[in-house]
C-alpha atoms as a PDB file:
ATOM      1  CA  UNK A   1     -56.014  44.548  13.299  1.00  0.00           C
ATOM      2  CA  UNK A   2     -55.959  47.004  16.379  1.00  0.00           C
ATOM      3  CA  UNK A   3     -51.977  46.200  17.291  1.00  0.00           C
ATOM      4  CA  UNK A   4     -51.480  47.029  13.148  1.00  0.00           C
ATOM      5  CA  UNK A   5     -52.884  50.049  13.236  1.00  0.00           C
ATOM      6  CA  UNK A   6     -51.127  51.149  17.075  1.00  0.00           C
ATOM      7  CA  UNK A   7     -47.560  50.001  15.453  1.00  0.00           C
ATOM      8  CA  UNK A   8     -48.275  52.220  12.153  1.00  0.00           C
ATOM      9  CA  UNK A   9     -49.112  55.451  14.018  1.00  0.00           C
ATOM     10  CA  UNK A  10     -46.179  54.389  16.429  1.00  0.00           C
ATOM     11  CA  UNK A  11     -43.547  53.947  13.606  1.00  0.00           C
ATOM     12  CA  UNK A  12     -45.159  57.137  11.652  1.00  0.00           C
ATOM     13  CA  UNK A  13     -44.363  59.319  15.054  1.00  0.00           C
ATOM     14  CA  UNK A  14     -40.977  57.855  15.416  1.00  0.00           C
ATOM     15  CA  UNK A  15     -40.217  58.824  11.819  1.00  0.00           C
ATOM     16  CA  UNK A  16     -41.544  62.355  11.868  1.00  0.00           C
ATOM     17  CA  UNK A  17     -39.584  63.085  15.277  1.00  0.00           C
ATOM     18  CA  UNK A  18     -36.796  61.298  13.394  1.00  0.00           C
ATOM     19  CA  UNK A  19     -37.016  64.016  10.339  1.00  0.00           C
ATOM     20  CA  UNK A  20     -37.439  66.722  12.472  1.00  0.00           C
ATOM     21  CA  UNK A  21     -34.258  66.018  14.316  1.00  0.00           C
ATOM     22  CA  UNK A  22     -32.244  65.223  11.805  1.00  0.00           C
ATOM     23  CA  UNK A  23     -33.215  68.686  10.169  1.00  0.00           C
ATOM     24  CA  UNK A  24     -33.165  70.844  13.768  1.00  0.00           C
ATOM     25  CA  UNK A  25     -30.086  69.084  15.010  1.00  0.00           C
ATOM     26  CA  UNK A  26     -28.343  67.171  12.312  1.00  0.00           C
ATOM     27  CA  UNK A  27     -25.151  66.411  14.915  1.00  0.00           C
ATOM     28  CA  UNK A  28     -26.909  65.553  17.972  1.00  0.00           C
ATOM     29  CA  UNK A  29     -28.827  63.109  15.282  1.00  0.00           C
ATOM     30  CA  UNK A  30     -25.732  61.552  13.882  1.00  0.00           C
ATOM     31  CA  UNK A  31     -23.924  61.028  17.339  1.00  0.00           C
ATOM     32  CA  UNK A  32     -27.357  59.107  18.912  1.00  0.00           C
ATOM     33  CA  UNK A  33     -27.395  57.366  15.574  1.00  0.00           C
ATOM     34  CA  UNK A  34     -23.413  56.509  16.026  1.00  0.00           C
ATOM     35  CA  UNK A  35     -24.089  55.452  19.595  1.00  0.00           C
ATOM     36  CA  UNK A  36     -26.678  52.921  18.566  1.00  0.00           C
ATOM     37  CA  UNK A  37     -24.736  51.476  15.902  1.00  0.00           C
ATOM     38  CA  UNK A  38     -21.775  50.472  18.712  1.00  0.00           C
ATOM     39  CA  UNK A  39     -19.479  53.142  17.340  1.00  0.00           C
ATOM     40  CA  UNK A  40     -19.644  52.373  13.841  1.00  0.00           C
ATOM     41  CA  UNK A  41     -18.535  55.994  11.692  1.00  0.00           C
ATOM     42  CA  UNK A  42     -21.439  56.967  10.166  1.00  0.00           C
ATOM     43  CA  UNK A  43     -19.650  60.036   8.846  1.00  0.00           C
ATOM     44  CA  UNK A  44     -18.979  57.995   5.896  1.00  0.00           C
ATOM     45  CA  UNK A  45     -22.456  57.284   5.208  1.00  0.00           C
ATOM     46  CA  UNK A  46     -23.801  60.738   6.167  1.00  0.00           C
ATOM     47  CA  UNK A  47     -26.065  62.715   3.295  1.00  0.00           C
ATOM     48  CA  UNK A  48     -24.483  65.633   2.452  1.00  0.00           C
ATOM     49  CA  UNK A  49     -27.187  67.857   1.294  1.00  0.00           C
ATOM     50  CA  UNK A  50     -30.989  68.196   3.437  1.00  0.00           C
ATOM     51  CA  UNK A  51     -33.357  65.380   1.981  1.00  0.00           C
ATOM     52  CA  UNK A  52     -35.924  66.482  -0.363  1.00  0.00           C
ATOM     53  CA  UNK A  53     -39.452  66.751   0.675  1.00  0.00           C
ATOM     54  CA  UNK A  54     -40.342  63.822  -1.688  1.00  0.00           C
ATOM     55  CA  UNK A  55     -37.861  61.037  -0.083  1.00  0.00           C
ATOM     56  CA  UNK A  56     -38.914  62.257   3.075  1.00  0.00           C
ATOM     57  CA  UNK A  57     -42.683  61.508   2.451  1.00  0.00           C
ATOM     58  CA  UNK A  58     -41.445  58.579   0.592  1.00  0.00           C
ATOM     59  CA  UNK A  59     -39.722  57.431   4.014  1.00  0.00           C
ATOM     60  CA  UNK A  60     -43.025  58.590   6.287  1.00  0.00           C
ATOM     61  CA  UNK A  61     -44.926  56.373   3.966  1.00  0.00           C
ATOM     62  CA  UNK A  62     -42.672  52.983   3.503  1.00  0.00           C
ATOM     63  CA  UNK A  63     -42.155  53.039   7.536  1.00  0.00           C
ATOM     64  CA  UNK A  64     -45.410  53.499   8.118  1.00  0.00           C
ATOM     65  CA  UNK A  65     -46.668  50.471   5.918  1.00  0.00           C
ATOM     66  CA  UNK A  66     -43.647  48.538   7.168  1.00  0.00           C
ATOM     67  CA  UNK A  67     -44.721  49.076  10.774  1.00  0.00           C
ATOM     68  CA  UNK A  68     -48.561  48.358   9.898  1.00  0.00           C
ATOM     69  CA  UNK A  69     -46.924  44.873   8.498  1.00  0.00           C
ATOM     70  CA  UNK A  70     -44.885  44.366  11.346  1.00  0.00           C
ATOM     71  CA  UNK A  71     -47.599  45.025  13.804  1.00  0.00           C
ATOM     72  CA  UNK A  72     -50.289  42.828  11.419  1.00  0.00           C
ATOM     73  CA  UNK A  73     -47.676  40.315  11.796  1.00  0.00           C
ATOM     74  CA  UNK A  74     -46.519  40.361  15.220  1.00  0.00           C
ATOM     75  CA  UNK A  75     -50.886  40.082  16.125  1.00  0.00           C
ATOM     76  CA  UNK A  76     -51.189  36.914  14.099  1.00  0.00           C
ATOM     77  CA  UNK A  77     -48.361  35.193  15.595  1.00  0.00           C
ATOM     78  CA  UNK A  78     -48.923  36.083  18.930  1.00  0.00           C
ATOM     79  CA  UNK A  79     -52.338  34.783  18.371  1.00  0.00           C
ATOM     80  CA  UNK A  80     -51.215  31.896  17.075  1.00  0.00           C
ATOM     81  CA  UNK A  81     -48.717  31.248  20.288  1.00  0.00           C
ATOM     82  CA  UNK A  82     -51.378  32.505  22.394  1.00  0.00           C
ATOM     83  CA  UNK A  83     -53.088  30.026  24.819  1.00  0.00           C
ATOM     84  CA  UNK A  84     -56.982  29.366  23.545  1.00  0.00           C
ATOM     85  CA  UNK A  85     -59.584  30.183  26.087  1.00  0.00           C
ATOM     86  CA  UNK A  86     -61.990  27.910  26.964  1.00  0.00           C
END
């Protein structure tokens, strides 16, 4: 449970930072994202309007939930593979 909670908080933090970056420095954000996707031209999929508060909250919420599920799954799989203490 601790791993799942830590992962959810981490993803939530990253989502907030990403949102702020998109709002405050959209060109820099697009440049970083493009470099992460090995030079794919992201201008073809770039939004032409700023996201609404509702879509930001929805994205933050679903990312946080996804992070929790990923953390929970990781912890359980890790524990399954970890050697048992005697």
